[in-house]
Amino acid sequence: MKIKDKYRKMLGNNIRFFRKKKNLTIEDLADKGNLNSQYLGGVERGEHNISADNIFAIAKALEIEPYHFFFFPKKTIPDNLFLKLINQISGDDQELIELYYKIICEIQKSFSSQK
């Protein structure tokens, strides 16, 4: 698989994750974002090279910031656990997010020192 195909697929998976989190069908999201549902299905499967305008339209329709679509974990995490974590903290203020980051860094240090 080409690297661009890999990232298109991961982007599509992230869009699907947030669509399902809002309990929307592809048709519902397509309507809200003024997109074609067949095109959107192809985006979710990683078949289309989506434009920035369409990424912004989808994010607006899902009521989230577009950057949420671009979290690509280094390893496959079961049940989109990584995205669930990002979604959990996304509504928090900057100070709290920085605290989460520091806690995660400390946990990583602790695990690294145990190896």
C-alpha atoms as a PDB file:
ATOM      1  CA  MET A   1       0.000   0.000   0.000  1.00  0.00           C
ATOM      2  CA  LYS A   2       1.341   3.430  -0.959  1.00  0.00           C
ATOM      3  CA  ILE A   3       1.912   5.891   1.873  1.00  0.00           C
ATOM      4  CA  LYS A   4      -0.659   8.344   0.478  1.00  0.00           C
ATOM      5  CA  ASP A   5      -3.258   5.555   0.367  1.00  0.00           C
ATOM      6  CA  LYS A   6      -2.466   4.649   3.964  1.00  0.00           C
ATOM      7  CA  TYR A   7      -3.055   8.207   5.170  1.00  0.00           C
ATOM      8  CA  ARG A   8      -6.202   8.633   3.091  1.00  0.00           C
ATOM      9  CA  LYS A   9      -7.561   5.452   4.701  1.00  0.00           C
ATOM     10  CA  MET A  10      -6.656   6.640   8.212  1.00  0.00           C
ATOM     11  CA  LEU A  11      -8.257  10.033   7.524  1.00  0.00           C
ATOM     12  CA  GLY A  12     -11.397   8.287   6.286  1.00  0.00           C
ATOM     13  CA  ASN A  13     -11.476   6.041   9.358  1.00  0.00           C
ATOM     14  CA  ASN A  14     -11.268   9.101  11.589  1.00  0.00           C
ATOM     15  CA  ILE A  15     -14.130  10.794   9.743  1.00  0.00           C
ATOM     16  CA  ARG A  16     -16.197   7.602  10.080  1.00  0.00           C
ATOM     17  CA  PHE A  17     -15.411   7.402  13.810  1.00  0.00           C
ATOM     18  CA  PHE A  18     -16.715  10.932  14.469  1.00  0.00           C
ATOM     19  CA  ARG A  19     -19.725  10.435  12.168  1.00  0.00           C
ATOM     20  CA  LYS A  20     -20.752   7.315  14.060  1.00  0.00           C
ATOM     21  CA  LYS A  21     -20.121   9.040  17.388  1.00  0.00           C
ATOM     22  CA  LYS A  22     -22.783  11.574  16.364  1.00  0.00           C
ATOM     23  CA  ASN A  23     -25.081   8.698  15.306  1.00  0.00           C
ATOM     24  CA  LEU A  24     -25.218   9.966  11.731  1.00  0.00           C
ATOM     25  CA  THR A  25     -25.526   7.935   8.566  1.00  0.00           C
ATOM     26  CA  ILE A  26     -23.349   8.774   5.596  1.00  0.00           C
ATOM     27  CA  GLU A  27     -26.417  10.333   3.990  1.00  0.00           C
ATOM     28  CA  ASP A  28     -27.092  12.491   7.087  1.00  0.00           C
ATOM     29  CA  LEU A  29     -23.519  13.773   7.152  1.00  0.00           C
ATOM     30  CA  ALA A  30     -23.479  14.335   3.406  1.00  0.00           C
ATOM     31  CA  ASP A  31     -26.646  16.437   3.693  1.00  0.00           C
ATOM     32  CA  LYS A  32     -25.280  18.462   6.605  1.00  0.00           C
ATOM     33  CA  GLY A  33     -22.004  19.082   4.776  1.00  0.00           C
ATOM     34  CA  ASN A  34     -23.530  19.660   1.318  1.00  0.00           C
ATOM     35  CA  LEU A  35     -21.608  16.691  -0.075  1.00  0.00           C
ATOM     36  CA  ASN A  36     -22.529  13.717  -2.228  1.00  0.00           C
ATOM     37  CA  SER A  37     -23.099  10.613  -0.080  1.00  0.00           C
ATOM     38  CA  GLN A  38     -21.298   8.317  -2.550  1.00  0.00           C
ATOM     39  CA  TYR A  39     -18.301  10.650  -2.513  1.00  0.00           C
ATOM     40  CA  LEU A  40     -18.347  10.737   1.297  1.00  0.00           C
ATOM     41  CA  GLY A  41     -18.480   6.932   1.451  1.00  0.00           C
ATOM     42  CA  GLY A  42     -15.422   6.833  -0.806  1.00  0.00           C
ATOM     43  CA  VAL A  43     -13.646   9.328   1.449  1.00  0.00           C
ATOM     44  CA  GLU A  44     -14.323   7.127   4.474  1.00  0.00           C
ATOM     45  CA  ARG A  45     -12.898   4.133   2.596  1.00  0.00           C
ATOM     46  CA  GLY A  46      -9.805   6.132   1.597  1.00  0.00           C
ATOM     47  CA  GLU A  47     -10.658   6.083  -2.097  1.00  0.00           C
ATOM     48  CA  HIS A  48     -10.721   9.862  -2.674  1.00  0.00           C
ATOM     49  CA  ASN A  49      -8.204  12.631  -2.186  1.00  0.00           C
ATOM     50  CA  ILE A  50     -10.387  15.016  -0.178  1.00  0.00           C
ATOM     51  CA  SER A  51      -9.966  18.783  -0.448  1.00  0.00           C
ATOM     52  CA  ALA A  52      -9.431  21.109   2.491  1.00  0.00           C
ATOM     53  CA  ASP A  53     -12.813  22.706   1.769  1.00  0.00           C
ATOM     54  CA  ASN A  54     -14.558  19.354   2.143  1.00  0.00           C
ATOM     55  CA  ILE A  55     -12.619  18.524   5.311  1.00  0.00           C
ATOM     56  CA  PHE A  56     -13.805  21.835   6.792  1.00  0.00           C
ATOM     57  CA  ALA A  57     -17.390  21.166   5.658  1.00  0.00           C
ATOM     58  CA  ILE A  58     -17.390  17.724   7.300  1.00  0.00           C
ATOM     59  CA  ALA A  59     -15.861  19.069  10.509  1.00  0.00           C
ATOM     60  CA  LYS A  60     -18.442  21.860  10.659  1.00  0.00           C
ATOM     61  CA  ALA A  61     -21.266  19.371  10.052  1.00  0.00           C
ATOM     62  CA  LEU A  62     -19.903  17.191  12.879  1.00  0.00           C
ATOM     63  CA  GLU A  63     -19.403  20.244  15.119  1.00  0.00           C
ATOM     64  CA  ILE A  64     -15.725  19.470  15.723  1.00  0.00           C
ATOM     65  CA  GLU A  65     -12.431  21.053  14.731  1.00  0.00           C
ATOM     66  CA  PRO A  66     -10.826  19.675  11.550  1.00  0.00           C
ATOM     67  CA  TYR A  67      -7.586  18.744  13.316  1.00  0.00           C
ATOM     68  CA  HIS A  68      -9.389  15.825  14.966  1.00  0.00           C
ATOM     69  CA  PHE A  69      -9.280  13.995  11.635  1.00  0.00           C
ATOM     70  CA  PHE A  70      -5.475  14.094  11.557  1.00  0.00           C
ATOM     71  CA  PHE A  71      -4.537  12.097  14.636  1.00  0.00           C
ATOM     72  CA  PHE A  72      -2.787   9.043  13.259  1.00  0.00           C
ATOM     73  CA  PRO A  73      -1.466   6.703  15.961  1.00  0.00           C
ATOM     74  CA  LYS A  74       1.861   5.002  15.287  1.00  0.00           C
ATOM     75  CA  LYS A  75       0.348   1.627  16.082  1.00  0.00           C
ATOM     76  CA  THR A  76      -3.136   0.280  15.601  1.00  0.00           C
ATOM     77  CA  ILE A  77      -5.091   0.805  18.781  1.00  0.00           C
ATOM     78  CA  PRO A  78      -8.170  -1.359  19.387  1.00  0.00           C
ATOM     79  CA  ASP A  79     -11.594   0.261  19.030  1.00  0.00           C
ATOM     80  CA  ASN A  80     -10.126   3.636  18.096  1.00  0.00           C
ATOM     81  CA  LEU A  81      -9.015   4.096  21.695  1.00  0.00           C
ATOM     82  CA  PHE A  82      -6.650   6.875  20.663  1.00  0.00           C
ATOM     83  CA  LEU A  83      -9.470   8.833  19.019  1.00  0.00           C
ATOM     84  CA  LYS A  84     -11.694   8.282  22.045  1.00  0.00           C
ATOM     85  CA  LEU A  85      -8.988   9.793  24.235  1.00  0.00           C
ATOM     86  CA  ILE A  86      -8.605  12.802  21.932  1.00  0.00           C
ATOM     87  CA  ASN A  87     -12.361  13.299  21.820  1.00  0.00           C
ATOM     88  CA  GLN A  88     -12.575  13.048  25.609  1.00  0.00           C
ATOM     89  CA  ILE A  89     -10.139  15.905  26.194  1.00  0.00           C
ATOM     90  CA  SER A  90     -11.038  18.067  23.189  1.00  0.00           C
ATOM     91  CA  GLY A  91     -13.634  20.085  25.098  1.00  0.00           C
ATOM     92  CA  ASP A  92     -11.295  20.885  27.976  1.00  0.00           C
ATOM     93  CA  ASP A  93      -9.433  24.165  28.338  1.00  0.00           C
ATOM     94  CA  GLN A  94      -5.781  24.583  27.375  1.00  0.00           C
ATOM     95  CA  GLU A  95      -4.508  24.406  30.961  1.00  0.00           C
ATOM     96  CA  LEU A  96      -6.191  21.061  31.589  1.00  0.00           C
ATOM     97  CA  ILE A  97      -4.949  19.642  28.264  1.00  0.00           C
ATOM     98  CA  GLU A  98      -1.395  20.649  29.219  1.00  0.00           C
ATOM     99  CA  LEU A  99      -1.851  18.847  32.540  1.00  0.00           C
ATOM    100  CA  TYR A 100      -3.020  15.697  30.698  1.00  0.00           C
ATOM    101  CA  TYR A 101       0.068  15.936  28.504  1.00  0.00           C
ATOM    102  CA  LYS A 102       2.407  16.190  31.503  1.00  0.00           C
ATOM    103  CA  ILE A 103       0.725  13.195  33.160  1.00  0.00           C
ATOM    104  CA  ILE A 104       1.062  11.113  29.998  1.00  0.00           C
ATOM    105  CA  CYS A 105       4.746  12.079  29.663  1.00  0.00           C
ATOM    106  CA  GLU A 106       5.402  11.018  33.247  1.00  0.00           C
ATOM    107  CA  ILE A 107       3.669   7.691  32.673  1.00  0.00           C
ATOM    108  CA  GLN A 108       5.772   7.135  29.533  1.00  0.00           C
ATOM    109  CA  LYS A 109       8.965   7.931  31.451  1.00  0.00           C
ATOM    110  CA  SER A 110       7.975   5.484  34.150  1.00  0.00           C
ATOM    111  CA  PHE A 111       7.392   2.692  31.629  1.00  0.00           C
ATOM    112  CA  SER A 112      10.599   3.505  29.727  1.00  0.00           C
ATOM    113  CA  SER A 113      12.702   3.324  32.890  1.00  0.00           C
ATOM    114  CA  GLN A 114      11.262  -0.112  33.702  1.00  0.00           C
ATOM    115  CA  LYS A 115      12.536  -1.638  30.466  1.00  0.00           C
END
